[in-house]
Amino acid sequence: MPIHSEHIPYAATNAFSGLVNDFVANPERFASLGTRPVNLQGLQQSIEERLKLSPNRDVIVARLREQYKTVETSAAVLSNIESLASEKTFTITTAHQNNVFTGPLYFIYKILHVIQLAKYCKSQFPQYHFVPVFYLGSEDADLEELNHIHLTNSTFVWETQQTGAVGRMKVDASLLGLLDRLQGELGVLPKGEEWIALLRSCYVEGCTIADATFQLVDKLFSKYGLVVLNPDHSELKRLFLPIIQRDLEPGATAKLLQPSIQTLQELGYEAQAHVRPINLFYLENDSRKRIDKAGSDWSVVGSSITFDSIAIEKEYLSHPERFSPNVILRGLYQCTLLPDIAFVGGGSEIAYWMQFGALFKEFGVPFPLLILRNSFQLIESDMAKKIAGLQLETHQLFLSTQEISNQLLTAEDVAQFSLTEELRLLHELYEGLREKASQVDPTLTAHVAALEKRATNQASELEKKMKRAVRKKYATKEQQLQVIKNGLFPKGQLQERYLNCGEFISQYGFEWLDQVAQASLSLEQQFTVLYLP
């Protein structure tokens, strides 16, 4: 289907932090942190760095082969997995937690971005091969962040008593009941039953959330060749052992990152991620708790588990899968496993990755090119007609309702209630009165000033009343404007941070993914407004 899209600067949306806006508009400002420009030169530099040092490709290929035995994927995916054995193959990666039913829209957008970017890189560097990768954050334990989705008129929350890493939790009766409710909401839409059927094929009782998410993402994106990696595995964690060993010494990681944090502060920004003395969790099936050290022993906070120096070494050598990196170490783990040349992330991800350059350098892991993920505002045909009816331009949609309302007033309307000229003439009148009065008695000038102030205030009040009267003519337009704003920004948020993809797939079918893919940018770093046919 033909689609129409427009692009505006991220700053024009008023929805991104100053750091993110500055990173996009003025990337050289952050060069001292090890970031590269988001352009072909930056990609070339990343490739050159990766050619010098490659990860253990045999392990990652073997692990992916094993992981993919559980699904019937595409030939494109299988080919990409095998290609990772070659030193001329690189990965372009995005990462996200395993939100139930994919969570907010940007889950989808960041995946489509790496797919588009891999295609672009191949066109620019045909001598190499580029694999789009989705790194599944299956070890995250923040259930309240991952257990719900929002539709336009409803919120669906998975209530469960399970604890620990969400990826290791199991699909239970409560989650299947949530699917039943979701079917009642989306099943009435043209393609709703297809979406629900896909979810049911992935979320099977007893299956882990990580496996369900893996299957869902594979079914949605395998035709594009996307490779999904679940890093929660002992053989992969074994590649991370040198970093685990170093971080278990309290303060070792913080010391490496302190110069970067200081640089950010000198540039006027706060540290973006809190560095703990130890940045590892102890991971068991129903528990993910912080590791701490007091004296000569390590302890698992909130449990009775402790280790001395001999026991902790035995534990991580025998069971590296029990050691889970927090946000500080997660990116380093990812790039230890994969031959990444670029990482595509949201604003908060890019912000905290900026701190990590020195950490990567210390362990000899090439730092990838950081790219802000694509963002979209989807506008459906009915909404587009409302916008056209008010003759709004794309950039105006991101202004406040009051700002847009003010801009809707025509010059003729403003002239009707504006007393600017009259107030000027009034001031001239009292200037003349002040001059005459001062010739008679200089003390009368204060009285004239008081009269002028009273008259000016009364005229200003009249102007406000006239303005309100003119605005009454715009009551219908303002109501229409409020409908537009509420429709485009649910709960006052960017659509992509709130709504779930299921609403759009249920309406337009899986072709909707192709439409968004078609509109996805590669290196342009602009916000996209996409008009759906």
Protein backbone atom coordinates (compact mmCIF):
# COMPACT_ATOMS: atom_id res chain seq x y z
CA MET A 1 0.00 0.00 0.00
CA PRO A 2 1.25 3.53 -0.71
CA ILE A 3 2.16 5.47 2.40
CA HIS A 4 3.02 9.06 3.14
CA SER A 5 5.48 10.18 5.78
CA GLU A 6 7.00 13.44 6.95
CA HIS A 7 10.03 14.09 9.12
CA ILE A 8 10.72 16.66 11.80
CA PRO A 9 13.67 17.19 14.18
CA TYR A 10 13.46 15.28 17.45
CA ALA A 11 13.71 18.58 19.34
CA ALA A 12 10.53 19.81 17.61
CA THR A 13 8.49 17.09 19.33
CA ASN A 14 9.23 18.50 22.81
CA ALA A 15 9.35 14.87 23.97
CA PHE A 16 13.06 14.08 24.26
CA SER A 17 15.68 15.09 26.81
CA GLY A 18 18.16 17.85 26.21
CA LEU A 19 20.96 15.30 26.15
CA VAL A 20 19.28 13.30 23.38
CA ASN A 21 18.47 16.40 21.34
CA ASP A 22 22.06 17.58 21.68
CA PHE A 23 23.41 14.14 20.74
CA VAL A 24 21.40 14.19 17.50
CA ALA A 25 22.02 17.83 16.59
CA ASN A 26 25.62 18.20 17.81
CA PRO A 27 27.28 14.75 18.14
CA GLU A 28 30.80 16.15 18.11
CA ARG A 29 30.02 17.61 21.54
CA PHE A 30 30.30 14.06 22.93
CA ALA A 31 33.38 12.91 21.00
CA SER A 32 35.51 12.84 24.16
CA LEU A 33 33.27 10.01 25.43
CA GLY A 34 34.24 7.79 22.52
CA THR A 35 31.08 8.24 20.46
CA ARG A 36 31.29 8.48 16.68
CA PRO A 37 29.28 10.56 14.20
CA VAL A 38 26.15 8.82 12.95
CA ASN A 39 27.14 8.68 9.31
CA LEU A 40 29.01 6.47 6.84
CA GLN A 41 32.34 7.54 8.27
CA GLY A 42 31.21 6.47 11.73
CA LEU A 43 30.10 3.09 10.38
CA GLN A 44 33.40 2.65 8.55
CA GLN A 45 35.33 3.36 11.75
CA SER A 46 33.21 0.83 13.65
CA ILE A 47 33.85 -1.82 11.01
CA GLU A 48 37.58 -1.18 11.13
CA GLU A 49 37.58 -1.52 14.92
CA ARG A 50 35.67 -4.79 14.74
CA LEU A 51 38.02 -6.22 12.14
CA LYS A 52 40.83 -5.88 14.69
CA LEU A 53 39.03 -7.88 17.35
CA SER A 54 36.30 -10.44 16.85
CA PRO A 55 34.20 -12.25 19.48
CA ASN A 56 34.18 -16.03 19.86
CA ARG A 57 32.09 -16.70 16.77
CA ASP A 58 32.06 -20.48 17.20
CA VAL A 59 30.31 -20.22 20.55
CA ILE A 60 27.68 -17.74 19.41
CA VAL A 61 26.89 -19.68 16.24
CA ALA A 62 26.61 -22.95 18.16
CA ARG A 63 24.34 -21.35 20.74
CA LEU A 64 22.08 -19.80 18.10
CA ARG A 65 21.81 -23.09 16.25
CA GLU A 66 20.67 -24.75 19.45
CA GLN A 67 18.26 -21.95 20.33
CA TYR A 68 16.62 -22.04 16.91
CA LYS A 69 15.91 -25.75 17.04
CA THR A 70 12.74 -24.86 18.93
CA VAL A 71 11.19 -22.82 16.09
CA GLU A 72 10.55 -23.16 12.38
CA THR A 73 12.25 -20.03 11.19
CA SER A 74 13.05 -18.64 7.74
CA ALA A 75 15.93 -19.55 5.45
CA ALA A 76 17.09 -15.92 5.77
CA VAL A 77 17.50 -16.27 9.54
CA LEU A 78 19.35 -19.60 9.28
CA SER A 79 21.65 -18.13 6.64
CA ASN A 80 22.38 -15.13 8.83
CA ILE A 81 23.22 -17.36 11.78
CA GLU A 82 25.71 -19.36 9.70
CA SER A 83 27.20 -16.15 8.30
CA LEU A 84 28.24 -15.12 11.81
CA ALA A 85 31.09 -17.63 11.57
CA SER A 86 32.75 -15.31 9.03
CA GLU A 87 35.09 -12.52 10.10
CA LYS A 88 33.41 -10.36 7.45
CA THR A 89 30.00 -10.53 9.10
CA PHE A 90 28.94 -7.89 11.59
CA THR A 91 25.86 -7.37 13.69
CA ILE A 92 23.62 -4.34 14.13
CA THR A 93 21.81 -4.84 17.40
CA THR A 94 18.94 -3.49 19.40
CA ALA A 95 17.83 -4.75 22.79
CA HIS A 96 14.72 -4.81 24.90
CA GLN A 97 13.13 -6.65 27.80
CA ASN A 98 10.56 -9.35 27.15
CA ASN A 99 7.46 -7.22 27.61
CA VAL A 100 4.24 -9.21 27.56
CA PHE A 101 2.80 -9.21 24.00
CA THR A 102 5.69 -6.85 22.97
CA GLY A 103 4.65 -3.95 25.23
CA PRO A 104 4.80 -0.42 23.74
CA LEU A 105 5.09 0.34 20.04
CA TYR A 106 8.75 1.29 20.17
CA PHE A 107 9.56 -2.40 20.81
CA ILE A 108 8.60 -2.90 17.16
CA TYR A 109 10.18 0.31 15.87
CA LYS A 110 13.67 -0.41 17.17
CA ILE A 111 13.63 -3.89 15.62
CA LEU A 112 12.56 -2.53 12.23
CA HIS A 113 15.32 0.08 12.52
CA VAL A 114 18.11 -2.51 12.81
CA ILE A 115 16.59 -4.44 9.91
CA GLN A 116 16.57 -1.33 7.74
CA LEU A 117 20.06 -0.35 8.85
CA ALA A 118 21.49 -3.78 8.02
CA LYS A 119 20.10 -3.47 4.49
CA TYR A 120 21.55 0.02 4.18
CA CYS A 121 24.98 -1.09 5.38
CA LYS A 122 25.02 -3.90 2.83
CA SER A 123 24.31 -1.39 0.06
CA GLN A 124 27.16 0.84 1.24
CA PHE A 125 29.70 -1.88 2.14
CA PRO A 126 28.91 -4.82 -0.19
CA GLN A 127 32.16 -6.59 0.70
CA TYR A 128 30.75 -7.34 4.17
CA HIS A 129 27.61 -8.95 5.53
CA PHE A 130 25.38 -7.38 8.17
CA VAL A 131 22.97 -9.23 10.43
CA PRO A 132 20.14 -7.46 12.30
CA VAL A 133 19.95 -8.79 15.86
CA PHE A 134 17.40 -8.46 18.64
CA TYR A 135 19.10 -9.02 22.00
CA LEU A 136 16.42 -10.28 24.37
CA GLY A 137 16.69 -8.74 27.84
CA SER A 138 15.28 -11.86 29.45
CA GLU A 139 17.00 -11.38 32.81
CA ASP A 140 15.17 -8.18 33.75
CA ALA A 141 13.19 -8.62 36.98
CA ASP A 142 11.04 -5.48 36.87
CA LEU A 143 7.69 -7.21 36.43
CA GLU A 144 5.65 -4.02 36.91
CA GLU A 145 7.36 -2.53 33.87
CA LEU A 146 6.83 -5.58 31.67
CA ASN A 147 3.48 -7.11 32.70
CA HIS A 148 1.02 -4.88 30.85
CA ILE A 149 -0.05 -3.39 27.56
CA HIS A 150 -2.23 -0.40 26.72
CA LEU A 151 -4.77 -0.13 23.94
CA THR A 152 -6.56 3.13 23.16
CA ASN A 153 -9.40 2.41 25.57
CA SER A 154 -8.09 -0.38 27.79
CA THR A 155 -5.17 -1.56 29.88
CA PHE A 156 -4.37 -5.25 30.33
CA VAL A 157 -2.20 -6.32 33.29
CA TRP A 158 -0.80 -9.77 33.95
CA GLU A 159 -1.24 -10.51 37.64
CA THR A 160 1.10 -13.25 38.82
CA GLN A 161 2.80 -14.29 42.03
CA GLN A 162 5.95 -15.42 40.21
CA THR A 163 9.21 -13.66 41.08
CA GLY A 164 12.73 -13.31 39.71
CA ALA A 165 13.79 -12.73 36.12
CA VAL A 166 10.67 -12.17 34.01
CA GLY A 167 12.15 -14.18 31.15
CA ARG A 168 12.28 -17.26 33.35
CA MET A 169 8.67 -16.89 34.51
CA LYS A 170 6.11 -19.26 33.01
CA VAL A 171 2.98 -18.60 31.01
CA ASP A 172 0.21 -19.36 33.49
CA ALA A 173 -3.58 -19.43 33.64
CA SER A 174 -3.66 -15.74 34.54
CA LEU A 175 -1.77 -14.79 31.39
CA LEU A 176 -3.99 -17.00 29.22
CA GLY A 177 -7.00 -15.32 30.84
CA LEU A 178 -5.50 -11.99 29.83
CA LEU A 179 -5.36 -13.29 26.26
CA ASP A 180 -9.05 -14.13 26.45
CA ARG A 181 -9.82 -10.57 27.50
CA LEU A 182 -7.59 -9.22 24.75
CA GLN A 183 -9.44 -11.33 22.21
CA GLY A 184 -12.71 -9.78 23.33
CA GLU A 185 -11.24 -6.33 22.66
CA LEU A 186 -9.34 -6.93 19.42
CA GLY A 187 -11.22 -9.87 17.94
CA VAL A 188 -13.87 -7.54 16.50
CA LEU A 189 -11.28 -5.74 14.34
CA PRO A 190 -10.68 -6.91 10.74
CA LYS A 191 -7.44 -8.80 11.50
CA GLY A 192 -7.84 -9.16 15.24
CA GLU A 193 -8.35 -12.92 15.27
CA GLU A 194 -5.13 -13.39 13.30
CA TRP A 195 -3.17 -11.43 15.89
CA ILE A 196 -4.73 -13.33 18.80
CA ALA A 197 -4.06 -16.66 17.07
CA LEU A 198 -0.39 -15.73 16.71
CA LEU A 199 -0.15 -14.79 20.39
CA ARG A 200 -1.79 -18.06 21.42
CA SER A 201 0.67 -20.04 19.33
CA CYS A 202 3.57 -18.43 21.22
CA TYR A 203 2.19 -18.01 24.75
CA VAL A 204 1.52 -21.63 25.66
CA GLU A 205 0.95 -22.59 29.30
CA GLY A 206 4.22 -23.71 30.92
CA CYS A 207 6.39 -21.96 28.32
CA THR A 208 8.80 -19.35 29.68
CA ILE A 209 8.15 -15.69 28.88
CA ALA A 210 11.57 -15.51 27.20
CA ASP A 211 10.74 -18.41 24.89
CA ALA A 212 7.30 -16.99 24.14
CA THR A 213 8.82 -13.62 23.26
CA PHE A 214 11.50 -15.29 21.16
CA GLN A 215 8.89 -17.21 19.18
CA LEU A 216 6.69 -14.15 18.71
CA VAL A 217 9.54 -11.93 17.52
CA ASP A 218 10.76 -14.67 15.19
CA LYS A 219 7.32 -15.12 13.64
CA LEU A 220 6.92 -11.39 13.13
CA PHE A 221 10.38 -10.65 11.73
CA SER A 222 11.99 -13.85 10.44
CA LYS A 223 11.17 -12.92 6.85
CA TYR A 224 13.52 -9.95 7.28
CA GLY A 225 16.34 -12.20 8.51
CA LEU A 226 16.27 -10.89 12.08
CA VAL A 227 18.24 -13.04 14.53
CA VAL A 228 17.02 -13.13 18.14
CA LEU A 229 19.56 -13.86 20.87
CA ASN A 230 18.58 -14.90 24.39
CA PRO A 231 21.82 -14.33 26.38
CA ASP A 232 20.64 -16.21 29.48
CA HIS A 233 22.84 -19.28 28.97
CA SER A 234 25.86 -20.74 30.73
CA GLU A 235 28.08 -21.04 27.64
CA LEU A 236 27.48 -17.40 26.75
CA LYS A 237 28.05 -16.23 30.31
CA ARG A 238 31.34 -18.14 30.30
CA LEU A 239 32.60 -15.69 27.67
CA PHE A 240 31.85 -12.94 30.17
CA LEU A 241 33.89 -14.42 33.03
CA PRO A 242 36.80 -11.91 32.92
CA ILE A 243 34.33 -9.07 33.42
CA ILE A 244 32.44 -10.94 36.15
CA GLN A 245 35.71 -11.52 38.00
CA ARG A 246 36.72 -7.85 37.76
CA ASP A 247 33.35 -6.46 38.79
CA LEU A 248 33.19 -8.66 41.90
CA GLU A 249 35.92 -6.45 43.31
CA PRO A 250 33.89 -3.56 44.78
CA GLY A 251 34.43 -0.22 43.05
CA ALA A 252 36.46 -1.59 40.12
CA THR A 253 33.81 -0.75 37.53
CA ALA A 254 32.93 2.58 39.15
CA LYS A 255 36.56 3.67 38.98
CA LEU A 256 36.66 3.00 35.24
CA LEU A 257 33.47 4.96 34.61
CA GLN A 258 34.15 7.94 36.85
CA PRO A 259 35.99 10.00 34.18
CA SER A 260 33.09 9.57 31.73
CA ILE A 261 30.56 10.55 34.37
CA GLN A 262 32.63 13.61 35.20
CA THR A 263 32.85 14.55 31.51
CA LEU A 264 29.06 14.36 31.18
CA GLN A 265 28.66 16.55 34.24
CA GLU A 266 31.11 19.08 32.85
CA LEU A 267 29.03 19.17 29.68
CA GLY A 268 26.00 19.99 31.79
CA TYR A 269 24.32 16.57 32.10
CA GLU A 270 23.71 14.25 35.01
CA ALA A 271 25.03 10.70 35.19
CA GLN A 272 22.54 8.55 33.31
CA ALA A 273 22.88 5.23 35.12
CA HIS A 274 23.82 4.56 38.73
CA VAL A 275 27.06 2.63 39.16
CA ARG A 276 27.09 0.32 42.16
CA PRO A 277 30.19 -1.07 43.89
CA ILE A 278 29.22 -4.43 42.34
CA ASN A 279 27.04 -4.44 39.21
CA LEU A 280 25.99 -8.08 39.16
CA PHE A 281 22.88 -9.91 40.31
CA TYR A 282 22.70 -13.48 41.53
CA LEU A 283 20.18 -15.20 39.29
CA GLU A 284 18.15 -18.25 40.22
CA ASN A 285 14.87 -19.54 38.79
CA ASP A 286 12.65 -17.44 41.04
CA SER A 287 15.10 -14.82 42.25
CA ARG A 288 17.38 -12.09 40.89
CA LYS A 289 19.07 -10.29 43.76
CA ARG A 290 21.97 -7.91 44.02
CA ILE A 291 25.45 -9.14 44.97
CA ASP A 292 27.29 -7.12 47.62
CA LYS A 293 30.52 -7.48 49.54
CA ALA A 294 31.15 -6.78 53.19
CA GLY A 295 34.62 -7.48 54.54
CA SER A 296 36.09 -10.53 52.83
CA ASP A 297 32.79 -12.22 51.92
CA TRP A 298 30.20 -11.71 49.19
CA SER A 299 26.50 -11.91 49.94
CA VAL A 300 23.27 -12.04 47.96
CA VAL A 301 21.23 -9.13 49.29
CA GLY A 302 17.91 -10.20 50.76
CA SER A 303 18.91 -13.85 51.15
CA SER A 304 21.07 -16.04 53.37
CA ILE A 305 23.52 -16.87 50.56
CA THR A 306 27.16 -15.90 51.19
CA PHE A 307 30.49 -16.78 49.59
CA ASP A 308 34.09 -16.52 50.66
CA SER A 309 36.79 -15.98 48.02
CA ILE A 310 37.16 -19.69 47.27
CA ALA A 311 33.41 -20.32 47.10
CA ILE A 312 32.67 -17.32 44.86
CA GLU A 313 35.33 -18.40 42.37
CA LYS A 314 33.98 -21.93 42.33
CA GLU A 315 30.47 -20.59 41.84
CA TYR A 316 31.16 -18.40 38.82
CA LEU A 317 33.39 -20.99 37.19
CA SER A 318 30.83 -23.77 37.68
CA HIS A 319 27.69 -21.70 37.19
CA PRO A 320 28.39 -18.49 35.24
CA GLU A 321 24.70 -18.38 34.25
CA ARG A 322 23.90 -17.41 37.84
CA PHE A 323 25.66 -14.08 37.43
CA SER A 324 23.49 -11.48 35.73
CA PRO A 325 24.78 -8.06 34.62
CA ASN A 326 22.87 -4.95 35.57
CA VAL A 327 22.34 -1.98 33.24
CA ILE A 328 25.98 -0.91 33.63
CA LEU A 329 27.42 -4.19 32.35
CA ARG A 330 24.63 -5.40 30.06
CA GLY A 331 25.90 -3.56 26.97
CA LEU A 332 29.43 -4.83 27.51
CA TYR A 333 28.08 -8.38 27.76
CA GLN A 334 26.16 -7.91 24.52
CA CYS A 335 29.21 -6.66 22.62
CA THR A 336 31.38 -9.39 24.12
CA LEU A 337 29.08 -11.94 22.49
CA LEU A 338 28.30 -10.23 19.19
CA PRO A 339 30.42 -8.54 16.49
CA ASP A 340 28.43 -5.34 16.87
CA ILE A 341 29.31 -2.31 14.77
CA ALA A 342 26.21 -0.35 15.81
CA PHE A 343 23.72 -0.31 18.65
CA VAL A 344 20.26 1.14 18.09
CA GLY A 345 18.59 2.31 21.29
CA GLY A 346 16.03 4.67 22.74
CA GLY A 347 16.89 8.01 24.27
CA SER A 348 17.55 6.68 27.76
CA GLU A 349 19.63 3.79 26.39
CA ILE A 350 21.82 6.07 24.29
CA ALA A 351 22.24 8.37 27.28
CA TYR A 352 23.62 5.70 29.59
CA TRP A 353 25.67 3.95 26.88
CA MET A 354 27.60 7.21 26.52
CA GLN A 355 29.17 6.49 29.89
CA PHE A 356 30.58 3.11 28.89
CA GLY A 357 33.41 3.90 26.44
CA ALA A 358 36.20 3.50 29.00
CA LEU A 359 34.70 0.23 30.24
CA PHE A 360 34.74 -1.23 26.73
CA LYS A 361 38.29 -0.02 26.19
CA GLU A 362 39.50 -1.62 29.42
CA PHE A 363 38.31 -5.05 28.30
CA GLY A 364 39.33 -4.66 24.67
CA VAL A 365 35.77 -4.73 23.33
CA PRO A 366 35.11 -2.38 20.38
CA PHE A 367 32.58 0.31 21.26
CA PRO A 368 29.71 0.33 18.73
CA LEU A 369 28.30 3.30 16.89
CA LEU A 370 25.38 4.62 18.97
CA ILE A 371 22.25 5.38 16.96
CA LEU A 372 19.00 6.78 18.32
CA ARG A 373 16.17 4.45 17.35
CA ASN A 374 13.51 5.56 14.90
CA SER A 375 10.40 7.14 16.37
CA PHE A 376 7.01 7.29 14.72
CA GLN A 377 3.71 9.07 15.15
CA LEU A 378 1.08 6.99 13.35
CA ILE A 379 -1.83 8.95 11.91
CA GLU A 380 -4.81 6.98 10.64
CA SER A 381 -7.05 8.22 7.84
CA ASP A 382 -9.89 9.46 10.06
CA MET A 383 -7.44 11.43 12.17
CA ALA A 384 -5.72 12.79 9.06
CA LYS A 385 -9.07 14.22 7.90
CA LYS A 386 -9.53 15.99 11.25
CA ILE A 387 -6.03 17.44 11.00
CA ALA A 388 -6.65 18.60 7.42
CA GLY A 389 -9.95 20.13 8.50
CA LEU A 390 -8.10 22.44 10.87
CA GLN A 391 -5.35 23.03 8.29
CA LEU A 392 -2.68 22.01 10.79
CA GLU A 393 0.90 21.45 9.71
CA THR A 394 2.83 18.42 10.93
CA HIS A 395 5.10 20.28 13.33
CA GLN A 396 2.09 21.95 15.00
CA LEU A 397 0.79 18.60 16.25
CA PHE A 398 3.54 18.52 18.89
CA LEU A 399 2.76 21.95 20.34
CA SER A 400 0.54 22.39 23.36
CA THR A 401 -3.18 22.76 22.79
CA GLN A 402 -2.98 26.42 23.83
CA GLU A 403 -0.12 27.13 21.42
CA ILE A 404 -1.96 25.53 18.53
CA SER A 405 -5.16 27.36 19.46
CA ASN A 406 -3.31 30.67 19.41
CA GLN A 407 -1.89 29.88 15.99
CA LEU A 408 -5.34 29.03 14.64
CA LEU A 409 -6.43 32.63 15.15
CA THR A 410 -6.21 34.57 11.88
CA ALA A 411 -4.63 38.01 11.58
CA GLU A 412 -8.13 39.45 11.15
CA ASP A 413 -9.27 37.76 14.37
CA VAL A 414 -6.29 39.12 16.28
CA ALA A 415 -6.99 42.60 14.92
CA GLN A 416 -10.55 42.37 16.21
CA PHE A 417 -9.52 42.05 19.83
CA SER A 418 -6.09 43.66 19.84
CA LEU A 419 -5.95 47.16 21.35
CA THR A 420 -2.22 47.58 20.80
CA GLU A 421 -2.67 50.71 18.67
CA GLU A 422 -5.27 52.15 20.99
CA LEU A 423 -3.01 51.60 24.01
CA ARG A 424 -0.22 53.40 22.16
CA LEU A 425 -2.48 56.36 21.46
CA LEU A 426 -3.67 56.32 25.06
CA HIS A 427 -0.08 56.53 26.24
CA GLU A 428 0.56 59.48 23.91
CA LEU A 429 -2.56 61.22 25.27
CA TYR A 430 -1.38 60.93 28.84
CA GLU A 431 2.11 62.01 27.88
CA GLY A 432 0.57 65.26 26.63
CA LEU A 433 -1.53 65.61 29.76
CA ARG A 434 1.52 64.96 31.93
CA GLU A 435 3.46 67.71 30.15
CA LYS A 436 0.63 70.27 30.52
CA ALA A 437 -0.01 69.39 34.16
CA SER A 438 3.67 69.68 35.07
CA GLN A 439 3.71 73.25 33.70
CA VAL A 440 0.86 74.17 36.02
CA ASP A 441 2.04 72.18 39.06
CA PRO A 442 4.87 69.57 38.94
CA THR A 443 3.21 67.60 41.71
CA LEU A 444 0.28 66.81 39.39
CA THR A 445 2.41 64.43 37.26
CA ALA A 446 1.94 61.65 39.82
CA HIS A 447 -1.84 62.09 39.58
CA VAL A 448 -1.66 61.89 35.76
CA ALA A 449 0.44 58.72 36.02
CA ALA A 450 -2.18 57.15 38.27
CA LEU A 451 -4.94 58.10 35.82
CA GLU A 452 -2.94 56.57 32.96
CA LYS A 453 -2.39 53.33 34.88
CA ARG A 454 -6.11 53.08 35.69
CA ALA A 455 -7.09 53.75 32.07
CA THR A 456 -4.51 51.30 30.74
CA ASN A 457 -5.71 48.59 33.11
CA GLN A 458 -9.32 49.14 32.09
CA ALA A 459 -8.37 48.99 28.41
CA SER A 460 -6.39 45.78 29.01
CA GLU A 461 -9.40 44.22 30.73
CA LEU A 462 -11.55 45.24 27.77
CA GLU A 463 -9.03 43.60 25.43
CA LYS A 464 -9.24 40.33 27.41
CA LYS A 465 -13.05 40.38 27.21
CA MET A 466 -12.91 41.03 23.46
CA LYS A 467 -10.39 38.21 23.10
CA ARG A 468 -12.71 35.81 24.95
CA ALA A 469 -15.58 36.87 22.73
CA VAL A 470 -13.56 36.14 19.59
CA ARG A 471 -12.45 32.82 21.01
CA LYS A 472 -16.07 31.76 21.45
CA LYS A 473 -16.22 31.66 17.67
CA TYR A 474 -13.43 29.06 17.88
CA ALA A 475 -15.12 26.81 20.43
CA THR A 476 -15.86 24.13 17.82
CA LYS A 477 -12.33 24.26 16.44
CA GLU A 478 -10.85 23.98 19.91
CA GLN A 479 -13.02 20.98 20.66
CA GLN A 480 -11.82 19.37 17.43
CA LEU A 481 -8.26 20.22 18.36
CA GLN A 482 -8.66 18.55 21.76
CA VAL A 483 -9.97 15.40 20.06
CA ILE A 484 -6.88 15.37 17.83
CA LYS A 485 -4.47 15.88 20.72
CA ASN A 486 -6.12 13.20 22.85
CA GLY A 487 -6.11 10.78 19.93
CA LEU A 488 -2.47 11.33 19.00
CA PHE A 489 -1.04 11.55 22.52
CA PRO A 490 -2.78 9.05 24.82
CA LYS A 491 -2.47 10.09 28.46
CA GLY A 492 -0.39 13.02 27.22
CA GLN A 493 2.43 10.72 26.05
CA LEU A 494 3.97 9.95 22.71
CA GLN A 495 1.85 7.25 21.10
CA GLU A 496 4.88 4.95 20.75
CA ARG A 497 5.51 4.97 24.49
CA TYR A 498 1.96 3.92 25.35
CA LEU A 499 0.05 1.92 22.74
CA ASN A 500 0.67 -1.71 21.78
CA CYS A 501 1.25 -2.90 18.22
CA GLY A 502 -1.64 -5.37 18.49
CA GLU A 503 -4.15 -2.58 17.96
CA PHE A 504 -2.62 -1.70 14.58
CA ILE A 505 -1.95 -5.25 13.43
CA SER A 506 -5.55 -6.13 14.33
CA GLN A 507 -6.77 -3.25 12.19
CA TYR A 508 -4.40 -3.41 9.21
CA GLY A 509 -2.96 -6.92 9.33
CA PHE A 510 0.68 -7.91 9.36
CA GLU A 511 1.20 -5.71 6.28
CA TRP A 512 1.34 -2.87 8.79
CA LEU A 513 4.86 -4.03 9.68
CA ASP A 514 5.88 -3.64 6.05
CA GLN A 515 4.46 -0.12 5.99
CA VAL A 516 6.49 0.91 9.03
CA ALA A 517 9.56 -0.87 7.64
CA GLN A 518 9.16 1.03 4.37
CA ALA A 519 9.13 4.33 6.28
CA SER A 520 12.02 3.41 8.60
CA LEU A 521 15.10 5.61 8.29
CA SER A 522 18.67 4.36 8.58
CA LEU A 523 21.08 7.11 9.70
CA GLU A 524 18.92 10.22 9.26
CA GLN A 525 18.05 10.62 12.97
CA GLN A 526 14.69 12.35 12.50
CA PHE A 527 11.22 11.81 13.95
CA THR A 528 8.77 10.32 11.43
CA VAL A 529 5.09 11.13 11.15
CA LEU A 530 3.54 8.25 9.21
CA TYR A 531 0.11 8.59 7.60
CA LEU A 532 -1.54 5.18 7.32
CA PRO A 533 -3.73 4.58 4.24
